Amino acid sequence: MIREEGRPLDCTGRLEKEIKTYDFLDSLKIPYQRVDHKASMTMDECAEIDKVLKASTCKNLLLCNRQKTSFYLLLIPGDKVFKTAALSKQIGSSRLSFASSEYMEQFLDITPGSLSILGLINDSENHVRLLIDQDVLQETYFGCHPCINTTTLRFSTDDLIKKVIPATGHEPTIVDLPRQTQE
């Protein structure tokens, strides 16, 4: 794996949704680095990529309420364990569960394993509410997939906060989830 600057010089064979994320970041004049790799489906696989990127890829979870009327994209550090009770209390929504891949594709044009904040560029009707654990915002760099899990990007957390999030049209809710590392 090699860290490279910006978008690929040749986008042949790349999915349209991936290219769309490069267009989005370039339009905001956000400098970013990229690592192409085999499909990464777990945080353990992302840890190897993070070493090359020198960034921390956060865990991205698509959640919904029991009635499937409210949807949430939660960004938390990869080493935090997700506990529904702690989050439910902070956002005032009980009985949270993982949303099905059907909603991931419908609202964000993303398939499982590729979930990313960059999918919010496809949610023009704001079906998904953005939730960010405050620890994610403490890192210097932010790592995420460009809507496909065979590439990971790194850009500054400052650009995430000041440029990326406002450009998606999604107002973030900052949450403070307890730190309980995975066993």
N, C-alpha and C. Protein backbone atom coordinates (compact mmCIF):
# COMPACT_ATOMS: atom_id res chain seq x y z
N MET A 1 0.85 -1.19 0.00
CA MET A 1 0.00 0.00 0.00
C MET A 1 0.89 1.24 0.00
N ILE A 2 0.49 2.19 -0.81
CA ILE A 2 1.25 3.43 -0.94
C ILE A 2 0.30 4.62 -0.75
N ARG A 3 0.73 5.58 0.06
CA ARG A 3 -0.06 6.80 0.24
C ARG A 3 0.24 7.74 -0.93
N GLU A 4 -0.82 8.19 -1.59
CA GLU A 4 -0.68 9.07 -2.74
C GLU A 4 -1.46 10.35 -2.51
N GLU A 5 -1.07 11.40 -3.19
CA GLU A 5 -1.73 12.70 -3.07
C GLU A 5 -2.94 12.76 -3.99
N GLY A 6 -4.08 13.17 -3.45
CA GLY A 6 -5.27 13.45 -4.25
C GLY A 6 -5.86 12.29 -5.00
N ARG A 7 -6.68 12.62 -5.98
CA ARG A 7 -7.42 11.63 -6.76
C ARG A 7 -6.47 10.84 -7.65
N PRO A 8 -6.91 9.66 -8.09
CA PRO A 8 -6.09 8.87 -9.01
C PRO A 8 -5.92 9.62 -10.34
N LEU A 9 -4.76 9.49 -10.94
CA LEU A 9 -4.54 10.12 -12.24
C LEU A 9 -5.42 9.49 -13.30
N ASP A 10 -5.65 8.19 -13.17
CA ASP A 10 -6.50 7.46 -14.10
C ASP A 10 -7.67 6.85 -13.32
N CYS A 11 -8.87 7.30 -13.60
CA CYS A 11 -10.05 6.81 -12.88
C CYS A 11 -10.75 5.66 -13.60
N THR A 12 -10.11 5.10 -14.61
CA THR A 12 -10.69 3.97 -15.33
C THR A 12 -10.95 2.83 -14.35
N GLY A 13 -12.16 2.28 -14.39
CA GLY A 13 -12.51 1.17 -13.52
C GLY A 13 -13.01 1.59 -12.15
N ARG A 14 -12.95 2.86 -11.84
CA ARG A 14 -13.45 3.36 -10.56
C ARG A 14 -14.96 3.60 -10.67
N LEU A 15 -15.68 3.38 -9.58
CA LEU A 15 -17.12 3.61 -9.58
C LEU A 15 -17.44 5.10 -9.61
N GLU A 16 -18.56 5.43 -10.22
CA GLU A 16 -19.00 6.81 -10.32
C GLU A 16 -19.12 7.47 -8.95
N LYS A 17 -19.62 6.72 -7.96
CA LYS A 17 -19.78 7.31 -6.62
C LYS A 17 -18.44 7.64 -5.98
N GLU A 18 -17.40 6.88 -6.30
CA GLU A 18 -16.06 7.19 -5.79
C GLU A 18 -15.54 8.47 -6.46
N ILE A 19 -15.67 8.54 -7.75
CA ILE A 19 -15.21 9.72 -8.50
C ILE A 19 -15.96 10.97 -8.02
N LYS A 20 -17.23 10.81 -7.71
CA LYS A 20 -18.05 11.92 -7.21
C LYS A 20 -17.47 12.47 -5.90
N THR A 21 -16.93 11.61 -5.05
CA THR A 21 -16.34 12.09 -3.79
C THR A 21 -15.07 12.89 -4.05
N TYR A 22 -14.27 12.46 -5.04
CA TYR A 22 -13.07 13.23 -5.39
C TYR A 22 -13.47 14.59 -5.95
N ASP A 23 -14.49 14.62 -6.79
CA ASP A 23 -14.99 15.88 -7.35
C ASP A 23 -15.45 16.81 -6.22
N PHE A 24 -16.15 16.23 -5.24
CA PHE A 24 -16.65 16.99 -4.09
C PHE A 24 -15.48 17.60 -3.31
N LEU A 25 -14.51 16.78 -2.93
CA LEU A 25 -13.37 17.28 -2.15
C LEU A 25 -12.56 18.30 -2.95
N ASP A 26 -12.36 18.04 -4.23
CA ASP A 26 -11.61 18.97 -5.08
C ASP A 26 -12.34 20.30 -5.21
N SER A 27 -13.69 20.26 -5.31
CA SER A 27 -14.46 21.50 -5.44
C SER A 27 -14.34 22.37 -4.18
N LEU A 28 -14.09 21.72 -3.05
CA LEU A 28 -13.92 22.45 -1.78
C LEU A 28 -12.46 22.82 -1.53
N LYS A 29 -11.58 22.45 -2.48
CA LYS A 29 -10.15 22.72 -2.39
C LYS A 29 -9.53 22.10 -1.12
N ILE A 30 -9.96 20.87 -0.85
CA ILE A 30 -9.46 20.15 0.31
C ILE A 30 -8.31 19.25 -0.12
N PRO A 31 -7.12 19.45 0.42
CA PRO A 31 -6.03 18.52 0.11
C PRO A 31 -6.28 17.20 0.84
N TYR A 32 -6.03 16.10 0.15
CA TYR A 32 -6.24 14.79 0.76
C TYR A 32 -5.24 13.80 0.21
N GLN A 33 -5.00 12.77 1.00
CA GLN A 33 -4.15 11.66 0.58
C GLN A 33 -5.04 10.44 0.42
N ARG A 34 -4.54 9.48 -0.35
CA ARG A 34 -5.34 8.31 -0.70
C ARG A 34 -4.47 7.07 -0.64
N VAL A 35 -5.06 5.98 -0.13
CA VAL A 35 -4.42 4.67 -0.18
C VAL A 35 -5.42 3.71 -0.82
N ASP A 36 -4.99 3.05 -1.90
CA ASP A 36 -5.81 2.01 -2.52
C ASP A 36 -5.39 0.68 -1.90
N HIS A 37 -6.37 -0.20 -1.68
CA HIS A 37 -6.10 -1.45 -0.97
C HIS A 37 -7.18 -2.46 -1.30
N LYS A 38 -7.01 -3.68 -0.83
CA LYS A 38 -8.07 -4.67 -1.00
C LYS A 38 -9.25 -4.25 -0.12
N ALA A 39 -10.41 -4.77 -0.42
CA ALA A 39 -11.62 -4.40 0.34
C ALA A 39 -11.39 -4.60 1.83
N SER A 40 -11.70 -3.57 2.60
CA SER A 40 -11.56 -3.65 4.06
C SER A 40 -12.95 -3.64 4.67
N MET A 41 -13.25 -4.69 5.41
CA MET A 41 -14.59 -4.84 5.99
C MET A 41 -14.59 -4.70 7.52
N THR A 42 -13.40 -4.68 8.13
CA THR A 42 -13.33 -4.64 9.59
C THR A 42 -12.40 -3.52 10.05
N MET A 43 -12.51 -3.16 11.31
CA MET A 43 -11.63 -2.15 11.89
C MET A 43 -10.20 -2.68 11.97
N ASP A 44 -10.02 -3.99 12.13
CA ASP A 44 -8.67 -4.56 12.14
C ASP A 44 -7.98 -4.34 10.80
N GLU A 45 -8.71 -4.53 9.72
CA GLU A 45 -8.15 -4.29 8.39
C GLU A 45 -7.84 -2.80 8.20
N CYS A 46 -8.68 -1.95 8.74
CA CYS A 46 -8.46 -0.51 8.64
C CYS A 46 -7.22 -0.08 9.43
N ALA A 47 -6.89 -0.79 10.50
CA ALA A 47 -5.73 -0.45 11.31
C ALA A 47 -4.45 -0.50 10.48
N GLU A 48 -4.34 -1.48 9.60
CA GLU A 48 -3.16 -1.58 8.73
C GLU A 48 -3.11 -0.40 7.76
N ILE A 49 -4.24 -0.02 7.25
CA ILE A 49 -4.34 1.11 6.32
C ILE A 49 -4.01 2.41 7.05
N ASP A 50 -4.48 2.54 8.29
CA ASP A 50 -4.21 3.73 9.10
C ASP A 50 -2.71 3.96 9.29
N LYS A 51 -1.95 2.88 9.41
CA LYS A 51 -0.49 3.01 9.57
C LYS A 51 0.12 3.68 8.35
N VAL A 52 -0.35 3.32 7.17
CA VAL A 52 0.16 3.92 5.93
C VAL A 52 -0.33 5.36 5.80
N LEU A 53 -1.58 5.61 6.12
CA LEU A 53 -2.16 6.95 6.01
C LEU A 53 -1.71 7.89 7.12
N LYS A 54 -1.28 7.31 8.24
CA LYS A 54 -0.97 8.11 9.44
C LYS A 54 -2.21 8.91 9.87
N ALA A 55 -3.32 8.19 9.93
CA ALA A 55 -4.62 8.76 10.34
C ALA A 55 -5.42 7.67 11.02
N SER A 56 -6.46 8.07 11.71
CA SER A 56 -7.36 7.10 12.35
C SER A 56 -8.69 7.08 11.61
N THR A 57 -8.99 5.93 11.04
CA THR A 57 -10.27 5.77 10.38
C THR A 57 -11.30 5.47 11.47
N CYS A 58 -12.36 6.23 11.50
CA CYS A 58 -13.36 6.01 12.55
C CYS A 58 -14.36 4.95 12.10
N LYS A 59 -15.07 4.44 13.09
CA LYS A 59 -16.14 3.47 12.84
C LYS A 59 -17.37 4.26 12.42
N ASN A 60 -18.06 3.82 11.38
CA ASN A 60 -19.26 4.46 10.86
C ASN A 60 -20.43 3.50 11.00
N LEU A 61 -21.46 3.91 11.69
CA LEU A 61 -22.61 3.05 11.92
C LEU A 61 -23.88 3.76 11.45
N LEU A 62 -24.69 3.05 10.67
CA LEU A 62 -25.99 3.59 10.27
C LEU A 62 -27.03 2.97 11.19
N LEU A 63 -27.71 3.82 11.92
CA LEU A 63 -28.68 3.39 12.93
C LEU A 63 -30.06 3.92 12.58
N CYS A 64 -31.07 3.29 13.19
CA CYS A 64 -32.43 3.79 13.00
C CYS A 64 -33.23 3.51 14.27
N ASN A 65 -34.34 4.23 14.38
CA ASN A 65 -35.25 3.96 15.49
C ASN A 65 -36.10 2.73 15.13
N ARG A 66 -36.86 2.28 16.09
CA ARG A 66 -37.65 1.05 15.89
C ARG A 66 -38.65 1.16 14.74
N GLN A 67 -39.22 2.34 14.57
CA GLN A 67 -40.23 2.55 13.52
C GLN A 67 -39.60 2.74 12.13
N LYS A 68 -38.28 2.86 12.10
CA LYS A 68 -37.54 3.12 10.86
C LYS A 68 -38.01 4.43 10.22
N THR A 69 -38.19 5.43 11.07
CA THR A 69 -38.57 6.77 10.60
C THR A 69 -37.45 7.78 10.82
N SER A 70 -36.49 7.45 11.67
CA SER A 70 -35.34 8.33 11.94
C SER A 70 -34.07 7.52 11.74
N PHE A 71 -33.13 8.11 10.99
CA PHE A 71 -31.88 7.44 10.66
C PHE A 71 -30.71 8.30 11.11
N TYR A 72 -29.65 7.64 11.54
CA TYR A 72 -28.49 8.32 12.10
C TYR A 72 -27.21 7.71 11.56
N LEU A 73 -26.27 8.57 11.16
CA LEU A 73 -24.92 8.12 10.83
C LEU A 73 -24.06 8.51 12.02
N LEU A 74 -23.54 7.51 12.71
CA LEU A 74 -22.70 7.73 13.89
C LEU A 74 -21.25 7.49 13.55
N LEU A 75 -20.40 8.47 13.85
CA LEU A 75 -18.95 8.34 13.69
C LEU A 75 -18.34 8.24 15.08
N ILE A 76 -17.67 7.14 15.35
CA ILE A 76 -17.00 6.95 16.64
C ILE A 76 -15.60 6.39 16.39
N PRO A 77 -14.68 6.62 17.35
CA PRO A 77 -13.35 6.04 17.20
C PRO A 77 -13.44 4.52 17.05
N GLY A 78 -12.54 3.97 16.27
CA GLY A 78 -12.56 2.54 16.00
C GLY A 78 -12.42 1.67 17.22
N ASP A 79 -11.82 2.20 18.28
CA ASP A 79 -11.62 1.38 19.48
C ASP A 79 -12.72 1.54 20.52
N LYS A 80 -13.73 2.34 20.23
CA LYS A 80 -14.85 2.48 21.16
C LYS A 80 -15.91 1.43 20.86
N VAL A 81 -16.49 0.92 21.92
CA VAL A 81 -17.59 -0.02 21.79
C VAL A 81 -18.88 0.78 21.77
N PHE A 82 -19.75 0.47 20.82
CA PHE A 82 -21.02 1.17 20.72
C PHE A 82 -22.04 0.58 21.69
N LYS A 83 -22.58 1.43 22.55
CA LYS A 83 -23.63 1.04 23.50
C LYS A 83 -24.86 1.89 23.20
N THR A 84 -25.93 1.23 22.80
CA THR A 84 -27.13 1.97 22.38
C THR A 84 -27.71 2.84 23.49
N ALA A 85 -27.68 2.37 24.72
CA ALA A 85 -28.30 3.11 25.82
C ALA A 85 -27.66 4.49 26.00
N ALA A 86 -26.34 4.54 25.93
CA ALA A 86 -25.65 5.82 26.11
C ALA A 86 -26.00 6.81 25.00
N LEU A 87 -26.09 6.32 23.78
CA LEU A 87 -26.42 7.19 22.66
C LEU A 87 -27.89 7.58 22.68
N SER A 88 -28.76 6.63 22.93
CA SER A 88 -30.20 6.89 22.95
C SER A 88 -30.55 8.03 23.90
N LYS A 89 -29.93 8.01 25.06
CA LYS A 89 -30.20 9.03 26.07
C LYS A 89 -29.78 10.41 25.57
N GLN A 90 -28.64 10.48 24.89
CA GLN A 90 -28.12 11.78 24.44
C GLN A 90 -28.91 12.38 23.28
N ILE A 91 -29.48 11.54 22.44
CA ILE A 91 -30.19 12.08 21.26
C ILE A 91 -31.71 12.00 21.40
N GLY A 92 -32.19 11.43 22.51
CA GLY A 92 -33.63 11.36 22.74
C GLY A 92 -34.36 10.41 21.82
N SER A 93 -33.72 9.31 21.47
CA SER A 93 -34.36 8.32 20.61
C SER A 93 -34.10 6.94 21.19
N SER A 94 -35.15 6.28 21.61
CA SER A 94 -34.97 4.96 22.22
C SER A 94 -35.04 3.86 21.16
N ARG A 95 -34.63 2.70 21.57
CA ARG A 95 -34.68 1.50 20.73
C ARG A 95 -33.96 1.64 19.40
N LEU A 96 -32.74 2.12 19.49
CA LEU A 96 -31.92 2.22 18.28
C LEU A 96 -31.42 0.85 17.87
N SER A 97 -31.33 0.65 16.58
CA SER A 97 -30.75 -0.59 16.05
C SER A 97 -30.02 -0.25 14.76
N PHE A 98 -29.32 -1.23 14.23
CA PHE A 98 -28.60 -1.02 12.99
C PHE A 98 -29.60 -1.00 11.83
N ALA A 99 -29.46 -0.01 10.97
CA ALA A 99 -30.33 0.08 9.80
C ALA A 99 -29.88 -0.94 8.76
N SER A 100 -30.80 -1.42 7.99
CA SER A 100 -30.47 -2.42 6.97
C SER A 100 -29.71 -1.77 5.81
N SER A 101 -29.03 -2.61 5.05
CA SER A 101 -28.26 -2.14 3.91
C SER A 101 -29.16 -1.45 2.88
N GLU A 102 -30.41 -1.83 2.87
CA GLU A 102 -31.37 -1.21 1.95
C GLU A 102 -31.41 0.32 2.15
N TYR A 103 -31.43 0.77 3.42
CA TYR A 103 -31.47 2.20 3.71
C TYR A 103 -30.12 2.86 3.42
N MET A 104 -29.05 2.14 3.65
CA MET A 104 -27.71 2.63 3.37
C MET A 104 -27.60 2.98 1.88
N GLU A 105 -28.09 2.09 1.05
CA GLU A 105 -28.05 2.31 -0.39
C GLU A 105 -29.05 3.37 -0.83
N GLN A 106 -30.25 3.33 -0.26
CA GLN A 106 -31.31 4.27 -0.64
C GLN A 106 -30.93 5.72 -0.32
N PHE A 107 -30.42 5.96 0.89
CA PHE A 107 -30.16 7.33 1.33
C PHE A 107 -28.75 7.82 1.00
N LEU A 108 -27.76 6.92 1.03
CA LEU A 108 -26.37 7.35 0.92
C LEU A 108 -25.62 6.80 -0.29
N ASP A 109 -26.27 5.91 -1.06
CA ASP A 109 -25.63 5.26 -2.21
C ASP A 109 -24.34 4.56 -1.80
N ILE A 110 -24.42 3.84 -0.69
CA ILE A 110 -23.26 3.12 -0.14
C ILE A 110 -23.69 1.71 0.21
N THR A 111 -22.77 0.77 0.01
CA THR A 111 -23.01 -0.62 0.38
C THR A 111 -22.29 -0.92 1.69
N PRO A 112 -22.70 -1.98 2.41
CA PRO A 112 -22.05 -2.32 3.67
C PRO A 112 -20.53 -2.48 3.52
N GLY A 113 -19.82 -1.98 4.51
CA GLY A 113 -18.37 -2.01 4.50
C GLY A 113 -17.76 -0.75 3.93
N SER A 114 -18.59 0.08 3.29
CA SER A 114 -18.11 1.32 2.66
C SER A 114 -18.71 2.57 3.29
N LEU A 115 -19.46 2.41 4.36
CA LEU A 115 -20.16 3.53 4.99
C LEU A 115 -19.16 4.63 5.36
N SER A 116 -19.53 5.86 5.05
CA SER A 116 -18.63 6.99 5.22
C SER A 116 -19.43 8.28 5.31
N ILE A 117 -18.86 9.26 5.98
CA ILE A 117 -19.49 10.57 6.03
C ILE A 117 -19.65 11.16 4.63
N LEU A 118 -18.79 10.75 3.69
CA LEU A 118 -18.88 11.27 2.33
C LEU A 118 -20.15 10.80 1.63
N GLY A 119 -20.81 9.77 2.14
CA GLY A 119 -22.10 9.35 1.60
C GLY A 119 -23.18 10.40 1.80
N LEU A 120 -22.96 11.32 2.75
CA LEU A 120 -23.96 12.37 2.99
C LEU A 120 -24.11 13.31 1.80
N ILE A 121 -23.15 13.32 0.89
CA ILE A 121 -23.30 14.15 -0.31
C ILE A 121 -24.43 13.63 -1.19
N ASN A 122 -24.83 12.38 -0.96
CA ASN A 122 -25.93 11.77 -1.72
C ASN A 122 -27.28 11.89 -1.00
N ASP A 123 -27.27 12.47 0.19
CA ASP A 123 -28.50 12.59 0.99
C ASP A 123 -29.00 14.03 0.97
N SER A 124 -29.39 14.49 -0.20
CA SER A 124 -29.82 15.89 -0.36
C SER A 124 -31.13 16.20 0.38
N GLU A 125 -31.89 15.16 0.71
CA GLU A 125 -33.15 15.39 1.42
C GLU A 125 -33.00 15.23 2.93
N ASN A 126 -31.77 15.07 3.41
CA ASN A 126 -31.46 14.97 4.85
C ASN A 126 -32.28 13.90 5.57
N HIS A 127 -32.28 12.71 5.01
CA HIS A 127 -32.93 11.58 5.67
C HIS A 127 -32.12 11.10 6.87
N VAL A 128 -30.81 11.37 6.83
CA VAL A 128 -29.89 10.85 7.83
C VAL A 128 -29.34 11.99 8.69
N ARG A 129 -29.43 11.81 9.99
CA ARG A 129 -28.89 12.79 10.94
C ARG A 129 -27.46 12.39 11.30
N LEU A 130 -26.55 13.34 11.24
CA LEU A 130 -25.13 13.08 11.52
C LEU A 130 -24.84 13.22 13.01
N LEU A 131 -24.27 12.15 13.58
CA LEU A 131 -23.84 12.13 14.98
C LEU A 131 -22.34 11.87 15.01
N ILE A 132 -21.59 12.68 15.75
CA ILE A 132 -20.15 12.51 15.82
C ILE A 132 -19.72 12.45 17.27
N ASP A 133 -19.04 11.37 17.64
CA ASP A 133 -18.48 11.30 18.98
C ASP A 133 -17.38 12.34 19.08
N GLN A 134 -17.36 13.07 20.18
CA GLN A 134 -16.40 14.18 20.33
C GLN A 134 -14.95 13.74 20.20
N ASP A 135 -14.64 12.49 20.52
CA ASP A 135 -13.26 12.01 20.41
C ASP A 135 -12.77 11.98 18.96
N VAL A 136 -13.67 11.80 18.00
CA VAL A 136 -13.30 11.81 16.58
C VAL A 136 -12.73 13.17 16.21
N LEU A 137 -13.28 14.21 16.80
CA LEU A 137 -12.89 15.57 16.46
C LEU A 137 -11.58 16.00 17.12
N GLN A 138 -11.03 15.17 17.99
CA GLN A 138 -9.77 15.50 18.67
C GLN A 138 -8.55 15.11 17.84
N GLU A 139 -8.74 14.29 16.83
CA GLU A 139 -7.64 13.84 15.98
C GLU A 139 -7.23 14.94 14.99
N THR A 140 -5.97 14.96 14.61
CA THR A 140 -5.48 15.93 13.63
C THR A 140 -6.01 15.60 12.24
N TYR A 141 -6.01 14.30 11.92
CA TYR A 141 -6.46 13.85 10.61
C TYR A 141 -7.66 12.93 10.73
N PHE A 142 -8.46 12.93 9.69
CA PHE A 142 -9.68 12.14 9.62
C PHE A 142 -9.53 11.16 8.46
N GLY A 143 -9.82 9.89 8.69
CA GLY A 143 -9.75 8.88 7.64
C GLY A 143 -11.12 8.32 7.34
N CYS A 144 -11.43 8.16 6.04
CA CYS A 144 -12.72 7.60 5.65
C CYS A 144 -12.63 7.03 4.23
N HIS A 145 -13.61 6.24 3.88
CA HIS A 145 -13.71 5.70 2.52
C HIS A 145 -14.40 6.71 1.61
N PRO A 146 -14.02 6.73 0.33
CA PRO A 146 -14.73 7.58 -0.64
C PRO A 146 -15.93 6.84 -1.23
N CYS A 147 -16.79 6.33 -0.33
CA CYS A 147 -18.01 5.60 -0.69
C CYS A 147 -17.74 4.23 -1.31
N ILE A 148 -16.50 3.76 -1.17
CA ILE A 148 -16.11 2.42 -1.63
C ILE A 148 -14.98 1.95 -0.71
N ASN A 149 -15.00 0.67 -0.32
CA ASN A 149 -14.05 0.22 0.69
C ASN A 149 -12.75 -0.36 0.14
N THR A 150 -12.38 0.02 -1.07
CA THR A 150 -11.09 -0.38 -1.63
C THR A 150 -10.12 0.80 -1.69
N THR A 151 -10.53 1.90 -1.11
CA THR A 151 -9.71 3.11 -1.00
C THR A 151 -10.04 3.78 0.32
N THR A 152 -9.04 4.38 0.94
CA THR A 152 -9.26 5.16 2.16
C THR A 152 -8.57 6.50 1.96
N LEU A 153 -9.22 7.55 2.43
CA LEU A 153 -8.72 8.92 2.29
C LEU A 153 -8.33 9.48 3.65
N ARG A 154 -7.43 10.46 3.61
CA ARG A 154 -7.06 11.20 4.81
C ARG A 154 -7.09 12.68 4.46
N PHE A 155 -7.78 13.46 5.31
CA PHE A 155 -7.74 14.91 5.21
C PHE A 155 -7.82 15.46 6.63
N SER A 156 -7.59 16.73 6.79
CA SER A 156 -7.55 17.28 8.14
C SER A 156 -8.93 17.29 8.79
N THR A 157 -8.94 17.09 10.07
CA THR A 157 -10.19 17.15 10.83
C THR A 157 -10.76 18.56 10.77
N ASP A 158 -9.87 19.54 10.68
CA ASP A 158 -10.31 20.92 10.53
C ASP A 158 -11.11 21.10 9.24
N ASP A 159 -10.64 20.50 8.14
CA ASP A 159 -11.39 20.55 6.88
C ASP A 159 -12.71 19.80 6.99
N LEU A 160 -12.71 18.70 7.75
CA LEU A 160 -13.96 17.97 7.99
C LEU A 160 -15.00 18.89 8.62
N ILE A 161 -14.59 19.58 9.67
CA ILE A 161 -15.51 20.43 10.44
C ILE A 161 -15.92 21.69 9.68
N LYS A 162 -14.94 22.35 9.06
CA LYS A 162 -15.20 23.66 8.46
C LYS A 162 -15.67 23.61 7.01
N LYS A 163 -15.36 22.52 6.29
CA LYS A 163 -15.70 22.48 4.87
C LYS A 163 -16.61 21.31 4.49
N VAL A 164 -16.20 20.08 4.85
CA VAL A 164 -16.94 18.90 4.40
C VAL A 164 -18.35 18.87 4.98
N ILE A 165 -18.46 18.93 6.29
CA ILE A 165 -19.79 18.83 6.92
C ILE A 165 -20.72 19.95 6.45
N PRO A 166 -20.30 21.22 6.48
CA PRO A 166 -21.22 22.27 5.98
C PRO A 166 -21.64 22.05 4.53
N ALA A 167 -20.73 21.55 3.69
CA ALA A 167 -21.06 21.35 2.27
C ALA A 167 -22.05 20.21 2.06
N THR A 168 -22.17 19.28 3.01
CA THR A 168 -23.15 18.20 2.88
C THR A 168 -24.55 18.67 3.24
N GLY A 169 -24.64 19.80 3.96
CA GLY A 169 -25.94 20.30 4.40
C GLY A 169 -26.49 19.58 5.62
N HIS A 170 -25.64 18.86 6.34
CA HIS A 170 -26.05 18.13 7.53
C HIS A 170 -25.42 18.77 8.77
N GLU A 171 -26.26 19.22 9.66
CA GLU A 171 -25.78 19.81 10.92
C GLU A 171 -25.41 18.67 11.87
N PRO A 172 -24.17 18.62 12.33
CA PRO A 172 -23.80 17.50 13.20
C PRO A 172 -24.29 17.68 14.63
N THR A 173 -24.56 16.58 15.27
CA THR A 173 -24.83 16.54 16.70
C THR A 173 -23.61 15.87 17.32
N ILE A 174 -22.96 16.56 18.24
CA ILE A 174 -21.78 16.01 18.90
C ILE A 174 -22.25 15.24 20.13
N VAL A 175 -21.80 13.99 20.23
CA VAL A 175 -22.17 13.14 21.36
C VAL A 175 -20.89 12.75 22.11
N ASP A 176 -21.09 12.33 23.33
CA ASP A 176 -19.96 11.92 24.19
C ASP A 176 -20.25 10.51 24.69
N LEU A 177 -19.75 9.54 23.95
CA LEU A 177 -19.97 8.14 24.33
C LEU A 177 -18.86 7.68 25.25
N PRO A 178 -19.19 6.84 26.24
CA PRO A 178 -18.18 6.37 27.18
C PRO A 178 -17.10 5.56 26.49
N ARG A 179 -15.89 5.69 27.00
CA ARG A 179 -14.77 4.94 26.44
C ARG A 179 -14.71 3.57 27.10
N GLN A 180 -15.10 2.57 26.36
CA GLN A 180 -14.97 1.17 26.78
C GLN A 180 -14.35 0.48 25.58
N THR A 181 -13.11 0.09 25.72
CA THR A 181 -12.44 -0.53 24.60
C THR A 181 -13.00 -1.92 24.35
N GLN A 182 -12.81 -2.36 23.12
CA GLN A 182 -13.31 -3.69 22.75
C GLN A 182 -12.53 -4.76 23.49
N GLU A 183 -13.22 -5.84 23.80
CA GLU A 183 -12.59 -6.93 24.54
C GLU A 183 -11.97 -7.93 23.61
